[in-house]
Amino acid sequence: MNTGVPPFSSLSHANEAFNAPKAPEAYGEAGPDTPSLLLSELIEHLGRHTVTPLGRVDPTGRVLGTEFYDALDELTDAPGGLLIVPSGAHFDAAHLAELASAIADLDYCAIAMKCLDEHEPVLAAIAETAGIPILRVAPRVSWGLFEALVGRLLGEQRRSEDAHFDRGAEPLFALANSLAGLFGGSVAIEDLGRRIIAYSSVPGQAIDSLRTRGILARRVPASPFNEDQYRTVIRSEEPIKYPQLDDELPRVAYAIRAGALPLGTIWAIYDSEVDHLTPEQVERVKSAGAIAAAHMLDDIRVREAGQIPREERFRTLLSGTDVTGTEFTELGIPDERGAQLLAFSLGENDHPATLAQLRSSLQRQLSLLHPESVAVARRGRVYAIIADAPYEQVRRLVDPLVPMFDRLIGPGITIALPGRAQRPNEIARLREQADVLFETAARLGGGARAGGQPSRGADRILTVSQLRPQLVLDRVAGLMAQESATLVDPRLSSLAAEHPQLAEAVLHWCQAFGNITRAARELGVHENTVRHRLRRAEEIAELPLGDPDMLLVTWLQLRALP
């Protein structure tokens, strides 16, 4: 059908759409082999720096593919399609409302477009009225990269040869030479593993020994400044200029990323005494980052074409929906052996770019010893699955990851080992258990030892046995809250509310296993004061603390409930 919306008014947008990868003609119903993703998960994976959802997002809505809008053609009947509208910013409200209504009737899942800040409320109103969400794409994310990133998350296989960029390294070398001419110094383009994948060779360019050694080895040499610099660059949206450090010449660094997905970095030696970058230099570096991202992202898509379907199978297990029971076999995990789930929380390092960096670093490390491993990012955390192994082997695998991630990403990453799954449909339960471990440890102040004692470095690897006392108390508190009329003793509740000092004395006495001296020391009072308060508590609340069962119930209630 033709919506009557006028054609693109910007030639550059039209050319961009023409050169972008073409989407499948129609998606139809999602079958077992149809790549799909919940729209809410897609938004989460892309990150707030890439898209902003406007309007209500259906929690059950799925994305089955992408479609570029062409006003000269009829809209394709593509249920579950994400309609990309490169020139949407030039439509007036009436035309956009008509388009939104039309694609809502065709069961598309969302519209992706760009707009000015002042137009966002109008788009939100259109989305609510039409009943279809609008994804506002960040201005600096090109449509080609946006579509490629969505396609990678979906695991789509493009049918058009035009969908692929030149996968050779020559364009990246040419890009490095172009920047070297601008800055006057050697330029290196690196991947996240700090391998130099392209470098400049302009006659007369400034170069130092660190860059020379890196080019010869095709890897960045170790430097005392590396770790902090890389972390800062990966998280920054702008080019960063570093002054000369010892024998290292001044450098300009910029992150290569596709949306929120970090792919690598650009490092240009800066042959100038000027402290700041010119607007032209900033724009050229950003443009180079976008071009490099296009080539590197396409290379990732080709190299990991076999990995993407495996990631989708793993996502199915984590969500617990549409599990068929054959997922372990498809992932290369023997059914009779079962699987282990590993979970990683960023803590204070939480950032979309950091999350993607953690996932890619983890996948590289695990694949060395576990070729069957798969790692994915989900709702701010990273999860990995490996074939089951004895606990000691799993610890030997994850223990070195803590200091490594501290160095690469930043301190504070926590690992949860929720246990093993014998069958695929048990993975979702383990994922929930891992989330509980993270939440419990956070309440205790990071990692925690049994009994709620202070954390040590090793305690950033969380297990059920380590946190079982707190898990039991949390479960008891939940049961008491749900069934307070039956399980909560009103005498203890009144004692805690009206005589908090007496209730506190009873609790500390219980925790001291009846040792008056220890309880007095914990309370900071005289031993006779503790004895007096215990007698008063027994009298006021009529508590027979000499009865073992009553003592246990009293301790549980005072410990579990605030």
Protein backbone atom coordinates (compact mmCIF):
# COMPACT_ATOMS: atom_id res chain seq x y z
CA MET A 1 0.00 0.00 0.00
CA ASN A 2 1.07 3.61 -0.54
CA THR A 3 0.68 5.87 2.47
CA GLY A 4 0.92 9.09 0.51
CA VAL A 5 3.99 10.14 2.49
CA PRO A 6 6.27 12.29 0.29
CA PRO A 7 9.60 10.91 -0.96
CA PHE A 8 12.90 11.66 0.76
CA SER A 9 13.70 15.34 0.70
CA SER A 10 17.41 14.81 1.37
CA LEU A 11 19.57 13.30 -1.38
CA SER A 12 22.20 12.22 1.14
CA HIS A 13 19.61 10.25 3.10
CA ALA A 14 18.34 8.68 -0.10
CA ASN A 15 21.81 7.60 -1.15
CA GLU A 16 22.48 6.26 2.35
CA ALA A 17 19.33 4.17 2.23
CA PHE A 18 20.14 2.98 -1.30
CA ASN A 19 23.61 1.79 -0.32
CA ALA A 20 22.49 0.19 2.95
CA PRO A 21 21.97 -3.59 3.24
CA LYS A 22 18.57 -4.69 1.99
CA ALA A 23 16.25 -6.44 4.40
CA PRO A 24 14.40 -9.66 3.61
CA GLU A 25 11.20 -9.15 1.64
CA ALA A 26 8.96 -10.52 4.33
CA TYR A 27 9.34 -12.33 7.59
CA GLY A 28 6.01 -14.01 8.11
CA GLU A 29 5.54 -16.11 11.21
CA ALA A 30 8.54 -16.80 13.42
CA GLY A 31 9.50 -20.43 13.08
CA PRO A 32 12.20 -22.33 14.93
CA ASP A 33 14.87 -21.15 12.46
CA THR A 34 13.66 -17.56 12.21
CA PRO A 35 16.04 -15.24 14.09
CA SER A 36 14.08 -13.05 16.47
CA LEU A 37 14.55 -10.99 19.59
CA LEU A 38 12.19 -9.28 21.99
CA LEU A 39 11.97 -5.60 21.09
CA SER A 40 12.66 -4.70 24.72
CA GLU A 41 15.82 -6.84 24.65
CA LEU A 42 16.93 -5.26 21.37
CA ILE A 43 16.56 -1.80 22.92
CA GLU A 44 18.51 -2.92 25.96
CA HIS A 45 21.33 -4.44 23.89
CA LEU A 46 21.64 -1.37 21.66
CA GLY A 47 21.86 0.84 24.76
CA ARG A 48 20.64 4.29 25.64
CA HIS A 49 23.50 5.88 23.71
CA THR A 50 22.12 4.36 20.50
CA VAL A 51 18.32 4.43 20.77
CA THR A 52 15.64 6.05 22.92
CA PRO A 53 12.21 4.33 22.88
CA LEU A 54 9.20 6.62 22.51
CA GLY A 55 5.74 5.28 23.29
CA ARG A 56 4.80 2.03 24.98
CA VAL A 57 6.95 -1.00 24.18
CA ASP A 58 5.00 -4.26 24.08
CA PRO A 59 6.89 -6.62 26.45
CA THR A 60 5.99 -9.57 24.19
CA GLY A 61 6.72 -7.86 20.87
CA ARG A 62 9.43 -9.51 18.76
CA VAL A 63 11.72 -8.14 16.08
CA LEU A 64 11.98 -10.51 13.11
CA GLY A 65 13.93 -8.32 10.71
CA THR A 66 14.55 -4.84 9.33
CA GLU A 67 13.04 -2.96 6.40
CA PHE A 68 14.16 0.38 4.93
CA TYR A 69 11.30 2.75 4.11
CA ASP A 70 10.96 3.88 0.50
CA ALA A 71 8.07 6.26 -0.13
CA LEU A 72 8.02 5.31 -3.83
CA ASP A 73 7.21 1.68 -3.06
CA GLU A 74 4.34 0.07 -1.24
CA LEU A 75 5.02 -1.02 2.30
CA THR A 76 6.06 -4.65 2.51
CA ASP A 77 3.81 -6.96 4.48
CA ALA A 78 6.42 -7.84 7.11
CA PRO A 79 4.95 -8.67 10.54
CA GLY A 80 7.58 -8.17 13.23
CA GLY A 81 9.65 -5.92 10.99
CA LEU A 82 11.54 -2.89 12.27
CA LEU A 83 10.93 -0.09 9.76
CA ILE A 84 13.99 2.14 9.35
CA VAL A 85 13.04 5.62 8.11
CA PRO A 86 16.28 7.53 7.28
CA SER A 87 14.47 10.73 6.24
CA GLY A 88 11.82 10.66 8.97
CA ALA A 89 13.15 13.87 10.51
CA HIS A 90 11.91 15.72 7.40
CA PHE A 91 8.30 14.45 7.65
CA ASP A 92 5.62 16.64 9.16
CA ALA A 93 3.52 15.28 12.02
CA ALA A 94 0.53 14.38 9.82
CA HIS A 95 2.61 12.34 7.37
CA LEU A 96 4.43 10.55 10.18
CA ALA A 97 1.16 9.77 11.98
CA GLU A 98 -0.22 8.30 8.74
CA LEU A 99 2.87 6.16 8.27
CA ALA A 100 2.78 4.95 11.91
CA SER A 101 -0.87 3.98 11.57
CA ALA A 102 -0.20 2.13 8.32
CA ILE A 103 2.66 0.01 9.64
CA ALA A 104 0.77 -0.69 12.88
CA ASP A 105 -1.96 -2.23 10.71
CA LEU A 106 0.71 -4.38 9.04
CA ASP A 107 1.94 -5.61 12.47
CA TYR A 108 5.40 -4.07 12.28
CA CYS A 109 7.09 -3.98 15.68
CA ALA A 110 8.53 -0.43 15.65
CA ILE A 111 9.81 2.54 13.66
CA ALA A 112 13.45 3.66 13.81
CA MET A 113 14.18 7.29 12.92
CA LYS A 114 16.10 10.38 13.98
CA CYS A 115 14.66 13.69 15.15
CA LEU A 116 15.48 16.96 16.83
CA ASP A 117 15.12 17.21 20.61
CA GLU A 118 12.16 19.58 20.35
CA HIS A 119 10.25 17.09 18.17
CA GLU A 120 10.54 14.19 20.63
CA PRO A 121 7.24 14.93 22.50
CA VAL A 122 5.34 14.97 19.18
CA LEU A 123 6.84 11.62 18.17
CA ALA A 124 6.00 10.15 21.57
CA ALA A 125 2.37 11.24 21.15
CA ILE A 126 2.21 9.75 17.64
CA ALA A 127 3.65 6.47 18.93
CA GLU A 128 1.08 6.27 21.72
CA THR A 129 -1.82 7.10 19.38
CA ALA A 130 -0.80 4.63 16.66
CA GLY A 131 0.09 1.93 19.18
CA ILE A 132 3.57 1.35 17.75
CA PRO A 133 6.82 2.45 19.45
CA ILE A 134 9.27 4.79 17.76
CA LEU A 135 12.98 4.23 18.37
CA ARG A 136 14.82 7.54 18.26
CA VAL A 137 18.29 6.77 16.89
CA ALA A 138 21.25 8.84 18.09
CA PRO A 139 22.36 11.45 15.52
CA ARG A 140 25.91 10.13 15.12
CA VAL A 141 24.88 6.52 14.46
CA SER A 142 24.74 6.08 10.69
CA TRP A 143 21.87 4.09 9.23
CA GLY A 144 24.18 1.51 7.72
CA LEU A 145 25.78 0.83 11.09
CA PHE A 146 22.44 0.83 12.89
CA GLU A 147 20.98 -1.73 10.51
CA ALA A 148 24.15 -3.83 10.70
CA LEU A 149 24.10 -3.81 14.51
CA VAL A 150 20.44 -4.82 14.62
CA GLY A 151 21.15 -7.50 12.04
CA ARG A 152 23.99 -8.89 14.11
CA LEU A 153 21.81 -9.08 17.20
CA LEU A 154 19.15 -10.89 15.20
CA GLY A 155 21.64 -13.21 13.54
CA GLU A 156 20.25 -12.40 10.11
CA GLN A 157 22.03 -13.69 7.01
CA ARG A 158 21.89 -11.05 4.28
CA ARG A 159 21.17 -12.30 0.77
CA SER A 160 22.54 -9.33 -1.15
CA GLU A 161 26.25 -9.07 -1.94
CA ASP A 162 25.84 -5.32 -1.54
CA ALA A 163 25.30 -5.94 2.17
CA HIS A 164 28.99 -6.60 2.66
CA PHE A 165 31.74 -4.03 2.82
CA ASP A 166 35.19 -4.82 1.52
CA ARG A 167 36.60 -7.13 4.16
CA GLY A 168 40.23 -6.50 3.19
CA ALA A 169 42.45 -4.44 5.41
CA GLU A 170 43.43 -2.01 2.62
CA PRO A 171 40.68 0.54 3.44
CA LEU A 172 41.85 0.69 7.05
CA PHE A 173 45.47 1.30 5.98
CA ALA A 174 44.26 4.09 3.69
CA LEU A 175 42.24 5.51 6.57
CA ALA A 176 45.34 5.47 8.82
CA ASN A 177 47.37 7.27 6.13
CA SER A 178 44.67 9.93 5.82
CA LEU A 179 44.76 10.65 9.56
CA ALA A 180 48.56 10.62 9.60
CA GLY A 181 48.53 13.39 7.00
CA LEU A 182 46.20 15.38 9.24
CA PHE A 183 48.08 14.94 12.53
CA GLY A 184 51.63 14.61 11.23
CA GLY A 185 52.32 11.42 13.19
CA SER A 186 52.00 7.66 12.90
CA VAL A 187 48.45 6.28 13.22
CA ALA A 188 47.50 2.80 14.44
CA ILE A 189 44.07 1.16 14.30
CA GLU A 190 43.65 -1.53 16.96
CA ASP A 191 41.03 -4.11 17.87
CA LEU A 192 39.85 -4.72 21.43
CA GLY A 193 42.63 -7.27 21.91
CA ARG A 194 45.12 -4.42 21.26
CA ARG A 195 46.29 -6.03 18.04
CA ILE A 196 47.35 -3.47 15.44
CA ILE A 197 45.23 -4.31 12.39
CA ALA A 198 46.26 -1.27 10.29
CA TYR A 199 48.86 1.49 10.49
CA SER A 200 50.02 4.50 8.50
CA SER A 201 53.13 4.68 6.32
CA VAL A 202 53.30 8.36 5.35
CA PRO A 203 56.87 9.60 4.64
CA GLY A 204 58.13 11.94 7.33
CA GLN A 205 55.47 11.03 9.91
CA ALA A 206 56.47 11.36 13.56
CA ILE A 207 56.92 7.99 15.28
CA ASP A 208 58.34 6.72 18.58
CA SER A 209 59.85 3.43 19.72
CA LEU A 210 56.59 2.20 21.28
CA ARG A 211 54.74 2.54 17.96
CA THR A 212 57.62 0.99 16.03
CA ARG A 213 57.69 -2.06 18.30
CA GLY A 214 53.91 -2.34 18.07
CA ILE A 215 53.94 -2.34 14.28
CA LEU A 216 56.71 -4.94 14.13
CA ALA A 217 54.89 -7.24 16.58
CA ARG A 218 51.40 -6.24 15.33
CA ARG A 219 50.47 -5.84 18.99
CA VAL A 220 50.67 -2.88 21.40
CA PRO A 221 53.63 -3.33 23.79
CA ALA A 222 52.96 -3.25 27.52
CA SER A 223 53.07 0.22 29.04
CA PRO A 224 52.39 1.45 32.61
CA PHE A 225 49.88 3.93 31.17
CA ASN A 226 47.94 1.46 29.01
CA GLU A 227 45.19 0.22 31.30
CA ASP A 228 43.77 3.54 32.46
CA GLN A 229 44.08 5.05 29.00
CA TYR A 230 42.21 2.23 27.28
CA ARG A 231 39.41 2.24 29.83
CA THR A 232 38.98 6.00 29.46
CA VAL A 233 39.04 5.96 25.66
CA ILE A 234 36.54 3.10 25.33
CA ARG A 235 34.03 4.95 27.54
CA SER A 236 34.48 8.39 25.98
CA GLU A 237 32.26 9.80 23.24
CA GLU A 238 34.92 12.32 22.19
CA PRO A 239 38.56 12.08 21.04
CA ILE A 240 41.03 12.29 23.92
CA LYS A 241 44.44 13.97 23.69
CA TYR A 242 47.24 12.55 25.84
CA PRO A 243 50.42 14.59 26.47
CA GLN A 244 53.91 13.18 26.08
CA LEU A 245 54.69 10.53 28.71
CA ASP A 246 58.38 9.64 29.03
CA ASP A 247 59.40 8.44 25.55
CA GLU A 248 55.83 8.22 24.26
CA LEU A 249 54.96 11.12 21.96
CA PRO A 250 51.62 12.94 22.41
CA ARG A 251 48.66 10.96 21.14
CA VAL A 252 45.04 11.45 20.13
CA ALA A 253 42.81 8.44 20.84
CA TYR A 254 39.24 7.67 19.85
CA ALA A 255 37.01 4.64 20.36
CA ILE A 256 35.74 2.72 17.35
CA ARG A 257 32.19 1.63 18.08
CA ALA A 258 28.94 0.69 16.41
CA GLY A 259 26.30 2.19 18.64
CA ALA A 260 27.11 0.93 22.12
CA LEU A 261 29.28 -1.92 20.80
CA PRO A 262 33.03 -1.15 21.15
CA LEU A 263 35.14 -2.60 18.34
CA GLY A 264 38.57 -1.06 18.81
CA THR A 265 40.52 2.20 19.03
CA ILE A 266 42.38 4.69 16.85
CA TRP A 267 45.68 6.12 18.14
CA ALA A 268 47.32 9.01 16.28
CA ILE A 269 50.68 10.46 17.28
CA TYR A 270 50.10 14.21 17.46
CA ASP A 271 53.05 16.21 16.10
CA SER A 272 52.01 19.56 17.57
CA GLU A 273 52.53 21.67 20.68
CA VAL A 274 48.89 22.85 20.64
CA ASP A 275 46.99 21.67 23.72
CA HIS A 276 43.60 21.32 22.05
CA LEU A 277 42.21 19.72 18.89
CA THR A 278 40.71 21.82 16.14
CA PRO A 279 37.06 21.25 15.15
CA GLU A 280 38.28 19.77 11.84
CA GLN A 281 40.53 17.29 13.62
CA VAL A 282 37.73 16.23 15.95
CA GLU A 283 35.32 15.73 13.05
CA ARG A 284 37.88 13.83 10.97
CA VAL A 285 38.71 11.47 13.83
CA LYS A 286 35.02 10.79 14.49
CA SER A 287 34.41 10.19 10.80
CA ALA A 288 37.37 7.80 10.70
CA GLY A 289 35.94 5.95 13.69
CA ALA A 290 32.62 5.46 11.89
CA ILE A 291 34.34 4.20 8.72
CA ALA A 292 36.57 1.83 10.68
CA ALA A 293 33.54 0.56 12.59
CA ALA A 294 31.79 -0.32 9.33
CA HIS A 295 34.70 -2.49 8.17
CA MET A 296 35.37 -4.07 11.56
CA LEU A 297 31.72 -4.78 12.28
CA ASP A 298 31.28 -6.51 8.94
CA ASP A 299 34.39 -8.58 9.59
CA ILE A 300 32.95 -9.62 12.95
CA ARG A 301 29.69 -10.61 11.29
CA VAL A 302 31.53 -12.81 8.80
CA ARG A 303 33.89 -14.41 11.32
CA GLU A 304 31.17 -15.04 13.87
CA ALA A 305 28.44 -16.09 11.46
CA GLY A 306 28.46 -19.49 13.09
CA GLN A 307 28.54 -18.02 16.60
CA ILE A 308 25.42 -15.85 16.27
CA PRO A 309 22.88 -18.73 16.04
CA ARG A 310 24.56 -20.27 19.09
CA GLU A 311 24.12 -17.01 20.99
CA GLU A 312 20.44 -17.01 20.07
CA ARG A 313 20.06 -20.57 21.37
CA PHE A 314 21.70 -19.51 24.62
CA ARG A 315 19.38 -16.49 24.93
CA THR A 316 16.46 -18.88 24.59
CA LEU A 317 17.79 -20.90 27.51
CA LEU A 318 18.30 -17.80 29.66
CA SER A 319 14.76 -16.56 29.07
CA GLY A 320 13.24 -20.01 29.58
CA THR A 321 10.83 -19.54 26.65
CA ASP A 322 10.48 -21.86 23.67
CA VAL A 323 13.04 -24.32 25.06
CA THR A 324 12.94 -27.48 22.92
CA GLY A 325 15.35 -29.66 24.89
CA THR A 326 17.92 -29.96 22.09
CA GLU A 327 19.82 -26.76 22.92
CA PHE A 328 22.75 -28.46 24.67
CA THR A 329 23.41 -30.61 21.61
CA GLU A 330 23.18 -27.57 19.33
CA LEU A 331 25.70 -25.74 21.51
CA GLY A 332 28.12 -28.67 21.46
CA ILE A 333 27.51 -29.65 25.09
CA PRO A 334 27.02 -33.40 25.70
CA ASP A 335 23.51 -34.03 27.06
CA GLU A 336 24.74 -36.61 29.53
CA ARG A 337 27.30 -34.18 30.93
CA GLY A 338 25.12 -31.12 31.54
CA ALA A 339 26.23 -27.50 31.72
CA GLN A 340 27.55 -24.85 34.09
CA LEU A 341 26.26 -21.27 34.02
CA LEU A 342 28.64 -18.40 34.77
CA ALA A 343 27.31 -14.89 35.44
CA PHE A 344 29.16 -11.57 35.56
CA SER A 345 28.00 -8.27 37.07
CA LEU A 346 29.74 -4.98 36.29
CA GLY A 347 28.87 -3.25 39.55
CA GLU A 348 29.95 0.39 39.43
CA ASN A 349 31.45 -0.13 35.95
CA ASP A 350 27.96 -0.42 34.45
CA HIS A 351 28.02 1.15 30.97
CA PRO A 352 26.85 -0.21 27.58
CA ALA A 353 30.36 -0.03 26.11
CA THR A 354 31.86 -1.74 29.16
CA LEU A 355 29.22 -4.47 29.01
CA ALA A 356 30.07 -5.25 25.38
CA GLN A 357 33.79 -5.18 26.17
CA LEU A 358 33.27 -7.63 29.04
CA ARG A 359 31.30 -10.01 26.83
CA SER A 360 33.87 -10.05 24.03
CA SER A 361 36.82 -10.41 26.44
CA LEU A 362 35.08 -13.23 28.29
CA GLN A 363 34.25 -15.08 25.07
CA ARG A 364 37.89 -14.95 23.96
CA GLN A 365 39.15 -16.27 27.30
CA LEU A 366 36.63 -19.09 27.63
CA SER A 367 37.03 -20.32 24.06
CA LEU A 368 40.69 -21.15 24.73
CA LEU A 369 39.73 -24.01 27.07
CA HIS A 370 36.04 -24.45 26.27
CA PRO A 371 35.35 -24.21 22.52
CA GLU A 372 31.68 -24.97 23.24
CA SER A 373 31.33 -21.84 25.40
CA VAL A 374 28.93 -19.01 24.53
CA ALA A 375 28.75 -15.59 26.21
CA VAL A 376 25.95 -13.03 25.82
CA ALA A 377 24.97 -9.72 27.41
CA ARG A 378 21.51 -9.61 28.95
CA ARG A 379 19.91 -6.82 30.99
CA GLY A 380 23.13 -5.28 32.22
CA ARG A 381 24.92 -8.55 32.97
CA VAL A 382 26.96 -11.09 31.01
CA TYR A 383 26.16 -14.80 31.10
CA ALA A 384 28.25 -17.68 29.78
CA ILE A 385 27.61 -21.40 29.44
CA ILE A 386 30.20 -24.18 29.39
CA ALA A 387 30.07 -27.95 29.61
CA ASP A 388 29.78 -29.16 33.20
CA ALA A 389 33.01 -29.70 35.11
CA PRO A 390 33.96 -30.33 38.76
CA TYR A 391 33.78 -27.26 40.97
CA GLU A 392 37.56 -27.13 41.39
CA GLN A 393 38.03 -26.93 37.61
CA VAL A 394 35.44 -24.19 37.30
CA ARG A 395 37.20 -22.18 40.02
CA ARG A 396 40.55 -22.61 38.26
CA LEU A 397 38.86 -21.26 35.16
CA VAL A 398 37.24 -18.17 36.71
CA ASP A 399 39.75 -17.22 39.45
CA PRO A 400 42.22 -15.61 36.98
CA LEU A 401 39.38 -13.66 35.36
CA VAL A 402 38.92 -11.37 38.39
CA PRO A 403 42.35 -9.66 38.24
CA MET A 404 42.30 -9.71 34.43
CA PHE A 405 38.96 -7.86 34.23
CA ASP A 406 40.10 -5.48 36.99
CA ARG A 407 42.99 -4.57 34.73
CA LEU A 408 41.11 -4.41 31.41
CA ILE A 409 37.74 -2.98 32.46
CA GLY A 410 37.96 -1.70 36.02
CA PRO A 411 37.70 -3.03 39.58
CA GLY A 412 34.47 -4.34 41.04
CA ILE A 413 33.29 -7.00 38.59
CA THR A 414 31.61 -9.86 40.46
CA ILE A 415 31.18 -13.45 39.26
CA ALA A 416 28.35 -15.77 40.30
CA LEU A 417 28.49 -19.56 40.04
CA PRO A 418 24.88 -20.67 40.56
CA GLY A 419 25.56 -24.33 39.78
CA ARG A 420 24.95 -26.93 37.09
CA ALA A 421 22.02 -27.81 34.87
CA GLN A 422 21.40 -31.37 33.75
CA ARG A 423 18.71 -30.31 31.26
CA PRO A 424 18.33 -27.20 29.05
CA ASN A 425 15.13 -26.07 30.77
CA GLU A 426 17.07 -25.65 34.05
CA ILE A 427 19.27 -22.81 32.74
CA ALA A 428 16.64 -20.10 33.31
CA ARG A 429 16.37 -21.17 36.97
CA LEU A 430 20.16 -20.92 37.32
CA ARG A 431 20.08 -17.45 35.76
CA GLU A 432 17.50 -16.38 38.34
CA GLN A 433 19.66 -17.91 41.08
CA ALA A 434 22.69 -15.97 39.83
CA ASP A 435 20.68 -12.75 39.92
CA VAL A 436 19.69 -13.52 43.52
CA LEU A 437 23.35 -14.08 44.43
CA PHE A 438 24.30 -10.69 42.97
CA GLU A 439 21.47 -8.91 44.78
CA THR A 440 22.24 -10.64 48.08
CA ALA A 441 25.95 -9.82 47.87
CA ALA A 442 25.14 -6.20 47.01
CA ARG A 443 23.00 -5.87 50.15
CA LEU A 444 25.88 -7.25 52.20
CA GLY A 445 28.25 -4.70 50.71
CA GLY A 446 29.85 -6.37 47.69
CA GLY A 447 30.94 -9.97 48.11
CA ALA A 448 30.19 -11.66 51.41
CA ARG A 449 31.25 -14.66 53.37
CA ALA A 450 28.85 -16.97 55.09
CA GLY A 451 27.29 -15.28 58.06
CA GLY A 452 27.47 -11.84 56.48
CA GLN A 453 31.11 -11.18 57.39
CA PRO A 454 33.11 -8.53 55.49
CA SER A 455 34.19 -9.25 51.94
CA ARG A 456 37.63 -10.25 50.71
CA GLY A 457 38.93 -10.19 47.12
CA ALA A 458 38.22 -13.89 46.60
CA ASP A 459 34.63 -13.38 47.75
CA ARG A 460 33.82 -11.59 44.51
CA ILE A 461 33.21 -15.08 43.17
CA LEU A 462 29.79 -15.87 44.62
CA THR A 463 28.34 -19.32 45.25
CA VAL A 464 25.18 -20.65 46.84
CA SER A 465 27.10 -22.35 49.66
CA GLN A 466 28.95 -19.12 50.43
CA LEU A 467 25.74 -17.09 50.77
CA ARG A 468 23.39 -19.82 52.01
CA PRO A 469 22.84 -18.32 55.52
CA GLN A 470 21.65 -15.03 54.03
CA LEU A 471 19.62 -16.84 51.35
CA VAL A 472 17.81 -18.81 54.06
CA LEU A 473 17.13 -15.68 56.09
CA ASP A 474 15.82 -13.87 53.00
CA ARG A 475 13.50 -16.77 52.20
CA VAL A 476 12.25 -16.90 55.81
CA ALA A 477 11.63 -13.14 55.73
CA GLY A 478 9.65 -13.55 52.52
CA LEU A 479 7.52 -16.34 53.95
CA MET A 480 6.86 -14.39 57.14
CA ALA A 481 5.82 -11.34 55.13
CA GLN A 482 3.44 -13.42 52.99
CA GLU A 483 1.92 -15.38 55.87
CA SER A 484 2.35 -12.98 58.77
CA ALA A 485 -0.87 -14.04 60.50
CA THR A 486 0.45 -17.59 60.85
CA LEU A 487 4.23 -17.30 61.01
CA VAL A 488 4.92 -13.99 62.76
CA ASP A 489 4.67 -14.01 66.56
CA PRO A 490 2.80 -10.79 67.51
CA ARG A 491 4.48 -10.79 70.94
CA LEU A 492 7.90 -10.43 69.32
CA SER A 493 6.61 -7.77 66.93
CA SER A 494 5.26 -5.75 69.85
CA LEU A 495 8.48 -6.21 71.80
CA ALA A 496 10.57 -4.94 68.87
CA ALA A 497 8.26 -1.97 68.31
CA GLU A 498 7.69 -0.89 71.92
CA HIS A 499 10.89 -2.07 73.65
CA PRO A 500 13.64 -2.12 70.97
CA GLN A 501 16.45 -2.36 73.55
CA LEU A 502 14.96 -5.54 75.00
CA ALA A 503 14.51 -7.09 71.54
CA GLU A 504 18.09 -6.13 70.65
CA ALA A 505 19.37 -7.81 73.81
CA VAL A 506 17.49 -11.02 72.99
CA LEU A 507 18.89 -11.02 69.41
CA HIS A 508 22.50 -10.50 70.50
CA TRP A 509 22.14 -13.12 73.21
CA CYS A 510 20.90 -15.61 70.60
CA GLN A 511 23.76 -14.70 68.25
CA ALA A 512 26.21 -15.20 71.13
CA PHE A 513 24.77 -18.70 71.67
CA GLY A 514 23.64 -17.73 75.17
CA ASN A 515 27.02 -16.25 76.19
CA ILE A 516 26.16 -13.25 78.40
CA THR A 517 29.71 -11.87 78.35
CA ARG A 518 29.92 -11.88 74.56
CA ALA A 519 26.43 -10.37 74.18
CA ALA A 520 27.31 -7.58 76.62
CA ARG A 521 30.50 -6.82 74.70
CA GLU A 522 28.61 -6.61 71.39
CA LEU A 523 25.98 -4.32 72.95
CA GLY A 524 28.52 -2.20 74.81
CA VAL A 525 26.77 -2.65 78.18
CA HIS A 526 27.40 -4.42 81.51
CA GLU A 527 26.64 -8.13 81.78
CA ASN A 528 24.02 -7.50 84.46
CA THR A 529 22.25 -5.13 82.06
CA VAL A 530 21.93 -7.97 79.55
CA ARG A 531 20.57 -10.31 82.23
CA HIS A 532 18.03 -7.68 83.31
CA ARG A 533 16.87 -7.05 79.75
CA LEU A 534 16.45 -10.76 79.06
CA ARG A 535 14.28 -11.19 82.16
CA ARG A 536 12.20 -8.15 81.21
CA ALA A 537 11.73 -9.50 77.67
CA GLU A 538 10.53 -12.85 79.01
CA GLU A 539 8.10 -11.10 81.37
CA ILE A 540 6.68 -8.55 78.91
CA ALA A 541 6.41 -10.82 75.87
CA GLU A 542 5.84 -14.01 77.86
CA LEU A 543 8.66 -15.70 75.95
CA PRO A 544 9.83 -19.09 77.27
CA LEU A 545 13.41 -18.66 76.03
CA GLY A 546 14.42 -21.86 77.76
CA ASP A 547 12.44 -23.85 75.17
CA PRO A 548 14.76 -24.81 72.25
CA ASP A 549 12.07 -24.51 69.55
CA MET A 550 10.84 -21.19 70.89
CA LEU A 551 14.42 -19.96 71.03
CA LEU A 552 14.96 -20.92 67.36
CA VAL A 553 11.73 -19.22 66.20
CA THR A 554 12.54 -16.11 68.25
CA TRP A 555 16.01 -15.87 66.76
CA LEU A 556 14.70 -16.34 63.22
CA GLN A 557 12.01 -13.68 63.51
CA LEU A 558 14.27 -11.09 65.13
CA ARG A 559 17.04 -11.81 62.59
CA ALA A 560 14.89 -12.02 59.46
CA LEU A 561 12.47 -9.15 59.99
CA PRO A 562 13.53 -5.51 60.39
